[in-house]
Amino acid sequence: MSRKDPREPFTRIDVNEAREMMAQEAVAVIDVREPHEYNAGHVPAATLIPVNSVYARREELPKDKDLIFVCAVGQRSALACEMAAAAGLTRLFNLDGGTDAWIKAGNPVDK
């Protein structure tokens, strides 16, 4: 169930909510892990932008879509959401539990 903390510029979503959002066209998934983690398995159609380069690569983030940030467990993706907010983006979502939760829920991964 989505949770919005007024102190955070993003909404935390669970795996089911992420899957529902991804069924829509107005969403982009941004994987902020390191390349070796991404290559080991990632959410289908996720774009790799490691967390340490999110702000520098902010022009690559779609402004016309909801952005779901994902990492391994949800900490780096929360930081990436903060960086995206600092770049002026507002449609920000953090996948709680990250890729680990995605896989544990039985969802597919791309390699």
C-alpha atoms as a PDB file:
ATOM      1  CA  MET A   1       0.000   0.000   0.000  1.00  0.00           C
ATOM      2  CA  SER A   2       1.424   3.362  -0.971  1.00  0.00           C
ATOM      3  CA  ARG A   3       2.669   5.621   1.778  1.00  0.00           C
ATOM      4  CA  LYS A   4       3.401   9.331   1.509  1.00  0.00           C
ATOM      5  CA  ASP A   5       5.518  10.841   4.245  1.00  0.00           C
ATOM      6  CA  PRO A   6       5.136  14.639   4.146  1.00  0.00           C
ATOM      7  CA  ARG A   7       8.874  14.945   4.800  1.00  0.00           C
ATOM      8  CA  GLU A   8       9.724  13.009   1.619  1.00  0.00           C
ATOM      9  CA  PRO A   9       9.261  14.269  -1.965  1.00  0.00           C
ATOM     10  CA  PHE A  10       8.185  10.813  -3.142  1.00  0.00           C
ATOM     11  CA  THR A  11       5.632   8.089  -2.473  1.00  0.00           C
ATOM     12  CA  ARG A  12       6.666   4.654  -1.256  1.00  0.00           C
ATOM     13  CA  ILE A  13       4.953   1.834  -3.145  1.00  0.00           C
ATOM     14  CA  ASP A  14       4.948  -1.929  -2.793  1.00  0.00           C
ATOM     15  CA  VAL A  15       5.586  -4.522  -5.487  1.00  0.00           C
ATOM     16  CA  ASN A  16       1.907  -4.927  -6.386  1.00  0.00           C
ATOM     17  CA  GLU A  17       1.444  -1.184  -6.838  1.00  0.00           C
ATOM     18  CA  ALA A  18       4.598  -1.009  -8.940  1.00  0.00           C
ATOM     19  CA  ARG A  19       3.368  -3.826 -11.176  1.00  0.00           C
ATOM     20  CA  GLU A  20      -0.007  -2.079 -11.619  1.00  0.00           C
ATOM     21  CA  MET A  21       1.695   1.212 -12.466  1.00  0.00           C
ATOM     22  CA  MET A  22       4.025  -0.513 -14.937  1.00  0.00           C
ATOM     23  CA  ALA A  23       0.999  -1.827 -16.826  1.00  0.00           C
ATOM     24  CA  GLN A  24       0.327   1.799 -17.779  1.00  0.00           C
ATOM     25  CA  GLU A  25       2.301   3.619 -20.452  1.00  0.00           C
ATOM     26  CA  ALA A  26       3.004   6.744 -18.400  1.00  0.00           C
ATOM     27  CA  VAL A  27       5.677   5.163 -16.199  1.00  0.00           C
ATOM     28  CA  ALA A  28       9.438   4.706 -16.346  1.00  0.00           C
ATOM     29  CA  VAL A  29      11.427   2.399 -14.086  1.00  0.00           C
ATOM     30  CA  ILE A  30      14.883   3.616 -13.096  1.00  0.00           C
ATOM     31  CA  ASP A  31      17.266   1.074 -11.556  1.00  0.00           C
ATOM     32  CA  VAL A  32      19.859   2.921  -9.472  1.00  0.00           C
ATOM     33  CA  ARG A  33      22.057  -0.040  -8.556  1.00  0.00           C
ATOM     34  CA  GLU A  34      25.551  -0.642  -9.906  1.00  0.00           C
ATOM     35  CA  PRO A  35      25.967  -2.239 -13.363  1.00  0.00           C
ATOM     36  CA  HIS A  36      26.988  -5.650 -11.983  1.00  0.00           C
ATOM     37  CA  GLU A  37      23.819  -5.753  -9.843  1.00  0.00           C
ATOM     38  CA  TYR A  38      21.656  -4.680 -12.782  1.00  0.00           C
ATOM     39  CA  ASN A  39      23.224  -7.304 -15.053  1.00  0.00           C
ATOM     40  CA  ALA A  40      22.501 -10.031 -12.494  1.00  0.00           C
ATOM     41  CA  GLY A  41      18.757  -9.348 -12.859  1.00  0.00           C
ATOM     42  CA  HIS A  42      16.512  -6.298 -13.003  1.00  0.00           C
ATOM     43  CA  VAL A  43      12.890  -5.272 -13.263  1.00  0.00           C
ATOM     44  CA  PRO A  44      11.868  -5.629 -16.934  1.00  0.00           C
ATOM     45  CA  ALA A  45      12.328  -2.455 -19.008  1.00  0.00           C
ATOM     46  CA  ALA A  46      14.234  -0.710 -16.204  1.00  0.00           C
ATOM     47  CA  THR A  47      16.786   1.883 -17.262  1.00  0.00           C
ATOM     48  CA  LEU A  48      20.116   1.742 -15.446  1.00  0.00           C
ATOM     49  CA  ILE A  49      21.206   5.049 -13.922  1.00  0.00           C
ATOM     50  CA  PRO A  50      23.421   4.331 -10.893  1.00  0.00           C
ATOM     51  CA  VAL A  51      22.505   6.398  -7.848  1.00  0.00           C
ATOM     52  CA  ASN A  52      25.762   8.354  -7.885  1.00  0.00           C
ATOM     53  CA  SER A  53      24.935   9.676 -11.361  1.00  0.00           C
ATOM     54  CA  VAL A  54      21.188  10.376 -11.042  1.00  0.00           C
ATOM     55  CA  TYR A  55      21.525  14.123 -10.562  1.00  0.00           C
ATOM     56  CA  ALA A  56      24.204  14.469 -13.252  1.00  0.00           C
ATOM     57  CA  ARG A  57      21.993  12.511 -15.673  1.00  0.00           C
ATOM     58  CA  ARG A  58      18.753  14.248 -14.651  1.00  0.00           C
ATOM     59  CA  GLU A  59      18.016  15.284 -18.257  1.00  0.00           C
ATOM     60  CA  GLU A  60      17.566  11.570 -19.067  1.00  0.00           C
ATOM     61  CA  LEU A  61      14.678  11.276 -16.597  1.00  0.00           C
ATOM     62  CA  PRO A  62      11.316  11.605 -18.382  1.00  0.00           C
ATOM     63  CA  LYS A  63       9.373  14.619 -17.172  1.00  0.00           C
ATOM     64  CA  ASP A  64       6.064  13.380 -18.584  1.00  0.00           C
ATOM     65  CA  LYS A  65       5.929  10.049 -16.740  1.00  0.00           C
ATOM     66  CA  ASP A  66       5.682   8.640 -13.252  1.00  0.00           C
ATOM     67  CA  LEU A  67       9.170   7.554 -12.204  1.00  0.00           C
ATOM     68  CA  ILE A  68       9.604   4.394 -10.145  1.00  0.00           C
ATOM     69  CA  PHE A  69      13.075   4.203  -8.643  1.00  0.00           C
ATOM     70  CA  VAL A  70      14.355   0.771  -7.634  1.00  0.00           C
ATOM     71  CA  CYS A  71      17.550  -0.522  -6.039  1.00  0.00           C
ATOM     72  CA  ALA A  72      18.262  -3.689  -4.063  1.00  0.00           C
ATOM     73  CA  VAL A  73      16.128  -2.988  -0.977  1.00  0.00           C
ATOM     74  CA  GLY A  74      14.851   0.601  -1.250  1.00  0.00           C
ATOM     75  CA  GLN A  75      17.493   2.801   0.370  1.00  0.00           C
ATOM     76  CA  ARG A  76      19.507   3.967  -2.642  1.00  0.00           C
ATOM     77  CA  SER A  77      16.305   4.456  -4.607  1.00  0.00           C
ATOM     78  CA  ALA A  78      14.968   6.753  -1.867  1.00  0.00           C
ATOM     79  CA  LEU A  79      18.135   8.829  -2.223  1.00  0.00           C
ATOM     80  CA  ALA A  80      17.667   8.855  -6.009  1.00  0.00           C
ATOM     81  CA  CYS A  81      14.111  10.144  -5.520  1.00  0.00           C
ATOM     82  CA  GLU A  82      15.521  12.981  -3.431  1.00  0.00           C
ATOM     83  CA  MET A  83      17.966  13.832  -6.233  1.00  0.00           C
ATOM     84  CA  ALA A  84      15.200  13.761  -8.842  1.00  0.00           C
ATOM     85  CA  ALA A  85      13.112  16.068  -6.656  1.00  0.00           C
ATOM     86  CA  ALA A  86      16.088  18.435  -6.398  1.00  0.00           C
ATOM     87  CA  ALA A  87      16.091  18.460 -10.213  1.00  0.00           C
ATOM     88  CA  GLY A  88      12.462  19.632 -10.175  1.00  0.00           C
ATOM     89  CA  LEU A  89      10.663  16.345 -10.849  1.00  0.00           C
ATOM     90  CA  THR A  90       7.516  15.568  -8.876  1.00  0.00           C
ATOM     91  CA  ARG A  91       6.012  12.251 -10.049  1.00  0.00           C
ATOM     92  CA  LEU A  92       8.374  10.159  -7.927  1.00  0.00           C
ATOM     93  CA  PHE A  93       7.886   6.691  -6.468  1.00  0.00           C
ATOM     94  CA  ASN A  94      10.225   4.458  -4.474  1.00  0.00           C
ATOM     95  CA  LEU A  95       9.799   0.679  -4.653  1.00  0.00           C
ATOM     96  CA  ASP A  96       9.864  -0.508  -1.037  1.00  0.00           C
ATOM     97  CA  GLY A  97      11.929  -3.646  -0.732  1.00  0.00           C
ATOM     98  CA  GLY A  98      13.536  -3.002  -4.113  1.00  0.00           C
ATOM     99  CA  THR A  99      14.558  -5.711  -6.527  1.00  0.00           C
ATOM    100  CA  ASP A 100      14.743  -8.212  -3.665  1.00  0.00           C
ATOM    101  CA  ALA A 101      11.019  -7.775  -2.942  1.00  0.00           C
ATOM    102  CA  TRP A 102      10.233  -7.829  -6.676  1.00  0.00           C
ATOM    103  CA  ILE A 103      11.925 -11.221  -7.061  1.00  0.00           C
ATOM    104  CA  LYS A 104      10.512 -12.656  -3.809  1.00  0.00           C
ATOM    105  CA  ALA A 105       7.019 -11.819  -5.072  1.00  0.00           C
ATOM    106  CA  GLY A 106       7.653 -14.072  -8.072  1.00  0.00           C
ATOM    107  CA  ASN A 107       7.889 -11.317 -10.673  1.00  0.00           C
ATOM    108  CA  PRO A 108      10.050 -11.713 -13.770  1.00  0.00           C
ATOM    109  CA  VAL A 109      13.492 -10.183 -14.152  1.00  0.00           C
ATOM    110  CA  ASP A 110      15.512  -9.402 -17.243  1.00  0.00           C
ATOM    111  CA  LYS A 111      19.221 -10.182 -17.472  1.00  0.00           C
END
